[in-house]
Protein backbone atom coordinates (compact mmCIF):
# COMPACT_ATOMS: atom_id res chain seq x y z
CA MET A 1 -29.49 1.58 4.83
CA LYS A 2 -26.26 2.16 3.01
CA THR A 3 -25.96 1.18 -0.65
CA SER A 4 -22.48 0.32 -1.80
CA ILE A 5 -21.38 1.13 -5.32
CA ASN A 6 -19.90 -2.36 -5.36
CA THR A 7 -23.35 -3.96 -5.28
CA THR A 8 -24.96 -1.86 -7.99
CA ASN A 9 -23.59 -3.76 -10.97
CA LYS A 10 -24.01 -7.52 -11.45
CA PHE A 11 -20.69 -7.62 -13.26
CA SER A 12 -18.76 -5.88 -10.47
CA ALA A 13 -17.29 -8.99 -8.83
CA LEU A 14 -15.94 -10.24 -12.16
CA ILE A 15 -14.62 -6.83 -13.15
CA ILE A 16 -12.92 -6.24 -9.81
CA LEU A 17 -11.12 -9.55 -10.27
CA LEU A 18 -10.11 -8.69 -13.82
CA VAL A 19 -9.00 -5.17 -12.91
CA THR A 20 -6.96 -6.69 -10.08
CA LEU A 21 -5.21 -8.92 -12.59
CA LEU A 22 -4.59 -5.92 -14.79
CA THR A 23 -3.16 -3.64 -12.12
CA THR A 24 -1.49 -5.80 -9.49
CA SER A 25 2.30 -5.78 -9.44
CA CYS A 26 4.34 -8.88 -10.17
CA GLU A 27 6.87 -10.05 -7.58
CA ASP A 28 9.83 -9.14 -9.73
CA LYS A 29 8.49 -6.03 -11.44
CA ILE A 30 6.74 -3.01 -9.98
CA GLU A 31 4.29 -1.75 -12.59
CA LEU A 32 2.68 1.63 -12.97
CA LEU A 33 0.79 0.14 -15.92
CA PRO A 34 -1.14 -3.06 -16.68
CA GLU A 35 0.43 -5.72 -18.87
CA ASP A 36 -2.10 -8.57 -19.34
CA LEU A 37 -3.48 -7.79 -22.78
CA THR A 38 -5.62 -10.93 -22.91
CA VAL A 39 -7.56 -9.92 -19.81
CA ASN A 40 -7.70 -6.40 -21.21
CA GLU A 41 -9.50 -7.68 -24.30
CA VAL A 42 -12.08 -9.43 -22.13
CA VAL A 43 -12.79 -6.46 -19.87
CA PHE A 44 -13.32 -4.10 -22.80
CA SER A 45 -15.16 -6.49 -25.10
CA ASN A 46 -18.55 -4.88 -24.46
CA GLY A 47 -20.19 -1.95 -22.72
CA ALA A 48 -21.53 -3.84 -19.70
CA LEU A 49 -18.10 -5.14 -18.76
CA ALA A 50 -16.55 -1.73 -19.36
CA LEU A 51 -19.02 -0.13 -16.93
CA GLY A 52 -17.98 -2.78 -14.44
CA ALA A 53 -14.38 -1.68 -14.95
CA VAL A 54 -15.41 1.81 -13.85
CA THR A 55 -16.81 0.28 -10.67
CA GLY A 56 -13.44 -1.41 -10.28
CA ILE A 57 -11.73 2.00 -10.13
CA TYR A 58 -13.83 3.02 -7.15
CA ASN A 59 -13.15 -0.34 -5.56
CA ARG A 60 -9.42 0.22 -5.90
CA ALA A 61 -9.81 3.65 -4.31
CA GLN A 62 -11.39 1.94 -1.29
CA GLN A 63 -8.01 0.54 -0.33
CA ASP A 64 -6.83 1.94 3.00
CA ASP A 65 -3.75 3.42 1.32
CA VAL A 66 -5.85 5.46 -1.12
CA LEU A 67 -9.00 7.07 0.32
CA ASN A 68 -9.82 4.90 3.31
CA GLY A 69 -7.56 6.05 6.11
CA THR A 70 -3.91 5.02 5.99
CA LEU A 71 -2.79 7.89 3.76
CA GLN A 72 -4.98 10.34 5.67
CA PHE A 73 -3.73 9.26 9.09
CA SER A 74 -0.13 9.17 7.87
CA SER A 75 -0.42 12.87 7.09
CA GLU A 76 -2.06 13.48 10.48
CA TRP A 77 0.78 11.68 12.28
CA GLN A 78 3.19 14.18 10.83
CA ALA A 79 1.16 17.06 12.22
CA ASP A 80 -0.17 18.09 15.63
CA ASN A 81 -3.68 16.61 15.80
CA VAL A 82 -3.04 13.00 16.72
CA ASP A 83 -0.54 10.66 18.34
CA PHE A 84 0.57 7.28 17.05
CA ILE A 85 0.79 4.72 19.85
CA GLY A 86 0.67 1.49 17.87
CA THR A 87 3.21 -1.20 17.08
CA PHE A 88 3.75 -0.70 13.35
CA THR A 89 7.34 0.52 13.04
CA THR A 90 6.61 1.95 9.59
CA PHE A 91 3.92 4.22 11.05
CA GLY A 92 6.20 5.10 13.96
CA GLU A 93 8.86 6.26 11.50
CA ILE A 94 6.37 8.66 9.92
CA ARG A 95 5.40 10.05 13.32
CA ASP A 96 9.04 10.48 14.36
CA TYR A 97 10.29 12.02 11.09
CA ALA A 98 12.55 8.99 10.77
CA THR A 99 11.01 7.52 7.62
CA LEU A 100 13.27 5.35 5.50
CA ALA A 101 13.10 4.98 1.73
CA ALA A 102 12.44 1.27 2.35
CA ASN A 103 9.36 2.00 4.50
CA THR A 104 6.80 -0.57 3.33
CA SER A 105 3.80 1.55 4.33
CA ILE A 106 5.02 4.36 2.08
CA PHE A 107 5.51 1.84 -0.71
CA GLY A 108 1.93 0.66 -0.17
CA ILE A 109 0.63 4.21 -0.54
CA TRP A 110 2.57 4.69 -3.78
CA ASP A 111 1.66 1.30 -5.24
CA ASP A 112 -2.04 1.33 -4.37
CA ASN A 113 -2.59 4.86 -5.66
CA TYR A 114 -0.90 3.99 -8.95
CA GLU A 115 -3.13 0.92 -9.18
CA VAL A 116 -6.10 3.28 -9.23
CA ILE A 117 -4.39 5.42 -11.86
CA GLY A 118 -3.66 2.33 -13.96
CA ALA A 119 -7.25 1.14 -13.76
CA ALA A 120 -8.48 4.60 -14.76
CA ASN A 121 -6.09 4.75 -17.72
CA LEU A 122 -7.44 1.44 -19.00
CA VAL A 123 -10.98 2.79 -19.04
CA ILE A 124 -9.99 6.10 -20.62
CA ASP A 125 -7.97 4.45 -23.39
CA ASN A 126 -10.22 1.50 -24.18
CA VAL A 127 -13.82 2.66 -23.83
CA PRO A 128 -13.73 4.66 -27.11
CA LEU A 129 -12.60 1.50 -28.96
CA ILE A 130 -15.37 -0.85 -27.83
CA GLN A 131 -17.46 -2.27 -30.67
CA ASP A 132 -20.88 -2.49 -29.03
CA ASP A 133 -23.91 -0.74 -30.53
CA SER A 134 -25.79 -0.97 -27.24
CA PHE A 135 -23.05 1.00 -25.47
CA THR A 136 -24.38 4.52 -25.94
CA ALA A 137 -22.36 7.66 -26.47
CA GLU A 138 -23.73 9.02 -23.18
CA GLN A 139 -22.58 5.92 -21.29
CA ARG A 140 -19.13 6.10 -22.84
CA THR A 141 -18.78 9.79 -22.01
CA GLN A 142 -19.87 9.23 -18.42
CA ALA A 143 -17.53 6.25 -17.96
CA ILE A 144 -14.51 8.13 -19.26
CA ALA A 145 -15.35 11.19 -17.16
CA GLU A 146 -15.62 9.11 -13.97
CA ALA A 147 -12.26 7.51 -14.70
CA ARG A 148 -10.67 10.92 -15.31
CA PHE A 149 -12.18 12.20 -12.07
CA MET A 150 -10.70 9.39 -9.98
CA ARG A 151 -7.33 9.70 -11.70
CA ALA A 152 -7.20 13.46 -11.07
CA LEU A 153 -8.24 13.04 -7.44
CA VAL A 154 -5.54 10.45 -6.80
CA TYR A 155 -2.86 12.62 -8.43
CA PHE A 156 -3.94 15.59 -6.34
CA ASN A 157 -3.66 13.54 -3.15
CA ILE A 158 -0.28 11.94 -3.76
CA ALA A 159 1.22 15.19 -5.04
CA THR A 160 0.76 16.61 -1.54
CA VAL A 161 2.85 13.92 0.20
CA PHE A 162 5.63 12.98 -2.26
CA GLY A 163 6.82 16.52 -2.98
CA GLN A 164 7.13 19.89 -1.29
CA PRO A 165 4.18 22.30 -1.57
CA LEU A 166 4.15 25.43 -3.70
CA GLN A 167 5.02 27.62 -0.72
CA ILE A 168 8.41 25.93 -0.30
CA SER A 169 11.63 26.74 -2.14
CA ALA A 170 11.18 26.13 -5.88
CA GLY A 171 7.39 26.42 -5.77
CA SER A 172 5.80 25.07 -8.94
CA ASP A 173 9.14 23.55 -9.95
CA ASN A 174 9.30 21.24 -6.91
CA LEU A 175 9.51 17.63 -8.05
CA SER A 176 6.29 15.70 -7.55
CA VAL A 177 5.19 12.33 -8.98
CA PRO A 178 5.31 10.79 -12.47
CA LEU A 179 2.28 11.68 -14.60
CA VAL A 180 1.23 8.36 -16.13
CA VAL A 181 -1.78 9.23 -18.30
CA SER A 182 -1.82 6.32 -20.74
CA SER A 183 -2.06 2.54 -20.52
CA GLU A 184 0.63 2.22 -23.18
CA LEU A 185 3.26 -0.27 -22.06
CA GLY A 186 6.94 0.36 -21.58
CA GLN A 187 6.85 3.98 -20.42
CA GLU A 188 9.70 5.31 -18.31
CA LEU A 189 8.53 8.65 -17.05
CA PRO A 190 10.48 10.98 -14.75
CA ARG A 191 8.87 12.84 -11.88
CA ALA A 192 6.74 15.74 -13.04
CA THR A 193 6.93 19.08 -11.30
CA LEU A 194 4.21 20.07 -8.85
CA GLY A 195 3.11 22.76 -11.29
CA GLN A 196 2.67 20.16 -14.03
CA VAL A 197 0.65 17.88 -11.75
CA TYR A 198 -1.58 20.73 -10.58
CA ASP A 199 -2.10 21.95 -14.16
CA PHE A 200 -3.12 18.43 -15.15
CA VAL A 201 -5.50 18.05 -12.20
CA GLU A 202 -7.10 21.42 -12.90
CA SER A 203 -7.57 20.76 -16.60
CA GLU A 204 -9.09 17.32 -15.94
CA PHE A 205 -11.63 18.52 -13.38
CA LEU A 206 -12.64 21.47 -15.54
CA ALA A 207 -12.97 19.36 -18.69
CA ILE A 208 -15.23 16.67 -17.24
CA ILE A 209 -17.76 18.89 -15.43
CA PRO A 210 -20.16 18.92 -18.44
CA ASP A 211 -19.82 15.13 -18.87
CA LEU A 212 -20.80 14.02 -15.37
CA THR A 213 -24.23 13.41 -13.92
CA ASP A 214 -25.58 15.47 -11.03
CA GLY A 215 -27.41 14.03 -8.06
CA THR A 216 -24.87 11.64 -6.59
CA ARG A 217 -22.67 11.77 -3.50
CA ILE A 218 -20.99 8.38 -3.98
CA LEU A 219 -19.72 8.79 -7.54
CA ALA A 220 -17.93 11.48 -9.51
CA SER A 221 -20.12 14.53 -10.08
CA PRO A 222 -19.89 18.14 -11.28
CA GLY A 223 -20.19 19.34 -7.68
CA ALA A 224 -17.30 17.14 -6.56
CA CYS A 225 -15.14 18.50 -9.39
CA ARG A 226 -15.87 22.07 -8.31
CA ALA A 227 -15.16 21.23 -4.67
CA PHE A 228 -11.76 19.72 -5.43
CA LEU A 229 -10.95 22.66 -7.69
CA ALA A 230 -11.75 24.97 -4.76
CA ARG A 231 -9.28 23.00 -2.62
CA LEU A 232 -6.68 23.09 -5.39
CA TYR A 233 -7.03 26.85 -5.84
CA LEU A 234 -6.72 27.34 -2.08
CA TYR A 235 -3.44 25.41 -2.13
CA GLN A 236 -2.30 27.56 -5.06
CA GLU A 237 -3.31 30.80 -3.28
CA ARG A 238 -5.67 31.71 -6.10
CA TRP A 239 -8.08 33.33 -3.70
CA ASP A 240 -10.80 34.54 -6.10
CA ASP A 241 -10.95 31.17 -7.85
CA ALA A 242 -11.07 29.29 -4.55
CA ALA A 243 -13.84 31.49 -3.19
CA ASN A 244 -15.87 31.36 -6.41
CA PHE A 245 -15.75 27.58 -6.79
CA ALA A 246 -16.50 27.02 -3.11
CA ASN A 247 -19.39 29.45 -3.43
CA ASP A 248 -20.73 27.56 -6.45
CA VAL A 249 -20.84 24.35 -4.42
CA ILE A 250 -22.45 26.04 -1.40
CA ASN A 251 -25.13 27.50 -3.67
CA ASP A 252 -25.91 24.09 -5.17
CA SER A 253 -29.14 23.05 -3.44
CA PHE A 254 -28.05 19.40 -3.53
CA TYR A 255 -25.59 20.15 -0.72
CA SER A 256 -26.17 21.74 2.66
CA LEU A 257 -24.68 21.69 6.14
CA ALA A 258 -25.97 18.83 8.24
CA THR A 259 -27.79 19.95 11.36
CA ASP A 260 -25.66 17.74 13.62
CA TYR A 261 -22.66 15.39 13.43
CA THR A 262 -24.40 12.09 12.75
CA PHE A 263 -23.76 12.29 9.00
CA TYR A 264 -20.41 10.50 8.80
CA ASP A 265 -21.76 7.04 7.98
CA SER A 266 -24.86 8.27 6.12
CA PRO A 267 -24.10 8.52 2.40
CA ASP A 268 -27.41 10.26 1.69
CA ALA A 269 -26.65 13.12 4.11
CA THR A 270 -26.64 16.51 2.40
CA GLU A 271 -23.27 17.21 4.07
CA HIS A 272 -21.46 14.89 1.66
CA ILE A 273 -20.12 16.04 -1.69
CA PHE A 274 -18.17 12.83 -2.30
CA THR A 275 -17.99 9.84 0.04
CA LEU A 276 -16.85 6.27 -0.51
CA VAL A 277 -19.42 3.78 0.76
CA ASN A 278 -17.87 0.92 2.71
CA ASP A 279 -19.45 -2.25 4.04
CA ALA A 280 -18.24 -5.40 5.76
CA VAL A 281 -17.13 -6.92 2.44
CA ASN A 282 -15.96 -3.93 0.41
CA GLY A 283 -13.95 -1.11 1.93
CA GLN A 284 -11.48 -0.80 4.75
CA ASP A 285 -9.26 -3.82 5.27
CA SER A 286 -6.84 -5.30 7.79
CA GLY A 287 -7.81 -2.82 10.50
CA GLN A 288 -5.52 -0.19 8.99
CA GLY A 289 -8.19 2.23 7.78
CA PHE A 290 -10.26 4.92 9.43
CA SER A 291 -12.26 2.55 11.65
CA GLY A 292 -9.59 0.05 12.62
CA LEU A 293 -6.88 2.54 13.54
CA SER A 294 -8.99 5.17 15.30
CA ASN A 295 -11.03 3.05 17.71
CA PRO A 296 -9.79 1.89 21.12
CA VAL A 297 -9.04 -1.77 21.76
CA PRO A 298 -10.37 -4.43 21.81
CA GLY A 299 -12.54 -3.57 18.78
CA GLY A 300 -10.00 -1.31 17.09
CA ARG A 301 -6.23 -1.13 17.17
CA GLY A 302 -6.15 1.88 19.50
CA ASP A 303 -3.40 3.51 17.42
CA VAL A 304 -4.65 7.06 16.74
CA PRO A 305 -5.77 9.03 19.82
CA PHE A 306 -6.14 12.79 20.11
CA SER A 307 -2.93 14.65 20.79
CA GLN A 308 -2.93 16.70 23.98
CA ASP A 309 -2.51 19.80 21.83
CA LEU A 310 -5.75 19.10 19.96
CA LEU A 311 -7.55 18.37 23.23
CA ASP A 312 -6.32 21.71 24.52
CA ALA A 313 -7.62 23.44 21.38
CA TYR A 314 -11.13 22.10 21.98
CA ALA A 315 -10.89 22.88 25.71
CA GLU A 316 -10.40 26.58 24.98
CA GLU A 317 -14.15 26.75 24.32
CA PRO A 318 -16.03 24.16 26.41
CA GLY A 319 -19.19 22.77 24.88
CA ASP A 320 -17.83 22.40 21.34
CA LEU A 321 -20.04 19.66 19.88
CA ARG A 322 -17.32 18.75 17.39
CA PHE A 323 -15.55 17.29 20.39
CA ASP A 324 -18.36 16.51 22.82
CA ASN A 325 -20.34 14.48 20.26
CA LEU A 326 -17.40 12.92 18.46
CA ASN A 327 -15.10 11.46 21.09
CA GLN A 328 -14.83 8.21 23.01
CA THR A 329 -12.51 6.95 25.73
CA GLY A 330 -10.94 3.51 25.87
CA PRO A 331 -7.70 1.55 26.07
CA GLY A 332 -5.02 2.57 23.60
CA ALA A 333 -2.59 0.19 21.97
CA GLU A 334 -0.09 0.81 24.76
CA GLY A 335 -2.62 0.04 27.53
CA PRO A 336 -3.89 3.14 29.37
CA ASP A 337 -7.14 4.79 28.40
CA ARG A 338 -6.90 7.53 25.80
CA ILE A 339 -9.42 9.77 24.05
CA PHE A 340 -10.21 8.76 20.46
CA THR A 341 -12.41 10.18 17.74
CA ASN A 342 -15.88 8.73 17.26
CA LYS A 343 -16.19 9.76 13.61
CA PHE A 344 -15.59 6.13 12.57
CA PRO A 345 -17.12 3.97 15.33
CA GLU A 346 -17.75 0.74 13.39
CA ASP A 347 -14.78 -1.20 14.81
CA VAL A 348 -16.08 -4.72 14.12
CA ASN A 349 -16.53 -4.71 10.34
CA ASN A 350 -14.49 -1.55 9.67
CA SER A 351 -17.35 -0.41 7.46
CA ASP A 352 -17.52 3.32 8.16
CA ASP A 353 -17.67 5.43 5.00
CA ALA A 354 -14.73 7.58 3.95
CA PRO A 355 -15.42 11.36 4.20
CA VAL A 356 -13.54 12.37 1.06
CA MET A 357 -15.15 15.79 0.54
CA ARG A 358 -17.96 17.49 2.46
CA VAL A 359 -19.66 20.84 2.17
CA THR A 360 -18.28 22.11 5.50
CA GLU A 361 -14.89 22.38 3.85
CA MET A 362 -16.38 24.70 1.24
CA TYR A 363 -17.47 27.16 3.94
CA LEU A 364 -13.99 27.06 5.43
CA THR A 365 -12.38 27.48 2.01
CA ARG A 366 -14.64 30.39 1.09
CA ALA A 367 -13.95 32.07 4.42
CA GLU A 368 -10.17 31.76 4.11
CA ALA A 369 -10.06 32.73 0.44
CA ASN A 370 -12.27 35.76 1.01
CA LEU A 371 -10.21 36.85 3.99
CA ARG A 372 -6.90 36.54 2.19
CA GLY A 373 -8.26 38.02 -1.03
CA SER A 374 -10.05 40.89 0.77
CA THR A 375 -13.35 39.88 -0.86
CA SER A 376 -16.82 38.81 0.27
CA ILE A 377 -17.79 36.38 -2.48
CA GLY A 378 -21.03 34.74 -1.36
CA ALA A 379 -20.65 35.74 2.28
CA THR A 380 -18.19 37.39 4.64
CA PRO A 381 -15.55 35.25 6.35
CA LEU A 382 -17.16 36.12 9.68
CA ASP A 383 -20.59 34.88 8.54
CA ASP A 384 -19.18 31.59 7.24
CA ILE A 385 -17.23 30.87 10.40
CA ASN A 386 -20.13 31.78 12.67
CA GLU A 387 -22.44 29.45 10.76
CA LEU A 388 -20.11 26.55 11.48
CA ARG A 389 -19.67 27.63 15.09
CA ASN A 390 -23.42 27.83 15.59
CA ARG A 391 -23.76 24.21 14.50
CA ALA A 392 -20.99 23.34 16.96
CA GLY A 393 -22.91 24.99 19.80
CA LEU A 394 -20.52 27.93 20.13
CA SER A 395 -21.27 31.62 20.33
CA ASP A 396 -20.77 34.06 17.45
CA LEU A 397 -17.47 35.82 17.03
CA THR A 398 -17.31 39.53 16.30
CA SER A 399 -14.28 39.28 14.01
CA VAL A 400 -12.04 36.67 12.42
CA ASP A 401 -8.44 36.48 11.30
CA LEU A 402 -6.39 33.78 9.59
CA ASP A 403 -5.44 32.06 12.85
CA ILE A 404 -9.10 31.76 13.83
CA ILE A 405 -10.07 30.32 10.46
CA LEU A 406 -7.23 27.78 10.55
CA ASN A 407 -8.24 26.80 14.08
CA GLU A 408 -11.81 26.26 12.90
CA ARG A 409 -10.52 24.13 10.01
CA ARG A 410 -8.51 22.13 12.51
CA LYS A 411 -11.48 21.42 14.76
CA GLU A 412 -13.89 20.69 11.90
CA LEU A 413 -11.65 18.44 9.82
CA ALA A 414 -9.64 16.64 12.51
CA PHE A 415 -8.89 12.98 11.69
CA GLU A 416 -9.79 13.54 8.01
CA GLY A 417 -6.29 14.15 6.66
CA GLN A 418 -6.32 17.93 6.08
CA ARG A 419 -4.22 19.33 8.91
CA ARG A 420 -0.76 18.68 7.46
CA MET A 421 -1.37 20.63 4.26
CA ASP A 422 -3.19 23.42 6.09
CA LEU A 423 -0.04 24.01 8.13
CA LEU A 424 2.53 23.58 5.35
CA ARG A 425 0.74 25.81 2.85
CA ASN A 426 0.64 28.50 5.54
CA SER A 427 4.38 28.11 6.23
CA GLN A 428 3.79 26.78 9.74
CA SER A 429 5.64 23.93 11.44
CA LEU A 430 3.71 20.69 11.63
CA ARG A 431 4.28 20.41 15.39
CA ARG A 432 3.48 22.98 18.05
CA PRO A 433 6.03 24.19 20.61
CA GLY A 434 6.50 21.51 23.24
CA GLN A 435 5.55 18.64 20.95
CA VAL A 436 8.22 16.11 20.06
CA ASN A 437 10.25 16.56 16.87
CA GLU A 438 9.17 20.16 16.44
CA ALA A 439 12.52 21.09 14.88
CA ASN A 440 12.10 18.40 12.20
CA SER A 441 8.61 19.59 11.33
CA ALA A 442 9.49 23.00 9.90
CA PRO A 443 8.15 23.86 6.44
CA GLY A 444 10.61 22.60 3.84
CA ALA A 445 12.29 20.12 6.19
CA ASP A 446 13.30 16.97 4.35
CA LYS A 447 11.03 14.49 6.07
CA THR A 448 7.86 16.54 6.04
CA ILE A 449 7.36 14.76 2.71
CA PHE A 450 7.60 11.06 1.90
CA PRO A 451 10.45 9.38 0.03
CA ILE A 452 10.10 7.88 -3.39
CA PRO A 453 9.97 4.21 -2.31
CA GLN A 454 13.30 2.47 -2.69
CA ALA A 455 11.63 -0.55 -4.29
CA VAL A 456 10.31 1.75 -7.03
CA ARG A 457 13.68 3.42 -7.58
CA ASP A 458 15.45 0.06 -7.75
CA LEU A 459 13.45 -0.66 -10.89
CA SER A 460 13.17 2.96 -12.06
CA PRO A 461 16.49 4.62 -11.13
CA PHE A 462 15.65 7.67 -13.26
CA LEU A 463 13.18 8.74 -10.55
CA ASP A 464 15.08 11.29 -8.46
CA GLN A 465 14.90 10.76 -4.70
CA ASN A 466 13.77 13.45 -2.31
CA PRO A 467 16.50 15.11 -0.23
CA GLY A 468 17.29 13.43 3.08
CA TYR A 469 16.49 9.87 1.95
């Protein structure tokens, strides 16, 4: 039986309400920061309430626009894995590379992710000030570290969609997102560079590793920090660092490859490094998350079927359990039957857990980093890829190259929001020849990244807009 983090603290319902008051935007003012100081004083009046505020950060991250599907599928729609066949014009714009700065779904992604950042900043700034002798130093350290973890994770995610990657044009100097790292009111911060955001994310994850508790898959942990650092170093083409950190996670006995593909909604499965636990009350909402969008009608929206190109990739090797065990057929939003993923089958309550980071990715990261760095840290690229293929019911390969590794990443991580960055960081177009809008999907093309929402720029005109918007 799943245990939600939202039911582990008797103060959580109160704190979630208070954090909502602290971080929700007013109608006439879009805030990156909280402004209700009276509520702030209540939330951080004692240690128990402060720990509830930490729970509130995770709750905010359960919004579809943060870690629960909309952001992840939006990146997939730009790439070659999935189609969008729904009725939301804002999602259709993303698919068609016709996104407008006034796109309300893009605004939702921006606003909801900064709500998480704002909630984290409140904890980081206020926990050290709480006058409560029963609130131990260890509890304070853990609370601040969890808040820093969630803040760093959110910054890492939004940096990949609101600015060009390191491999494009100005590299580390590409404009990214504002770095709001304090709950101080009245800040007007310009967009940081991608290099500045990545430096911040790296320093945060490294700093909090000693402060976090091991033995959890549903909260911040040292293993999760190392795993996200491995992903960051892969994006930065720091091959030795990527391989070493991935290897550290693989060698942690708390994690191991699941024997089959039934782990997605099992938070105790050894496959998971970090997963958000959803239930019928807390988690995905409005049918716009992993479960609601990816299931056929009538239970789901039937919006996100396999692309024919992804189906063809699986068909190259019949018997791939990553397809055979994880697909379903049913009516799509436009009527005819389509093939959908079965990674998130709970289409009534939309309560499937979010697969934020799993150990399979570490094998793929180690394989790619070792290949590109001409090393064999922990294992050879061939051994890592064959281990994953064996679980998928496929025969061993005798050699691997970058194309093979990227294809394995594609088939392992499909529908989890990784494909877009895997293509862009390898200077590949997001669409394959023959797919629509291929010309607009080239690395560095204007609309391969999202606009700074117009509603944000109306109130913060110092935020430079991305080209093409």
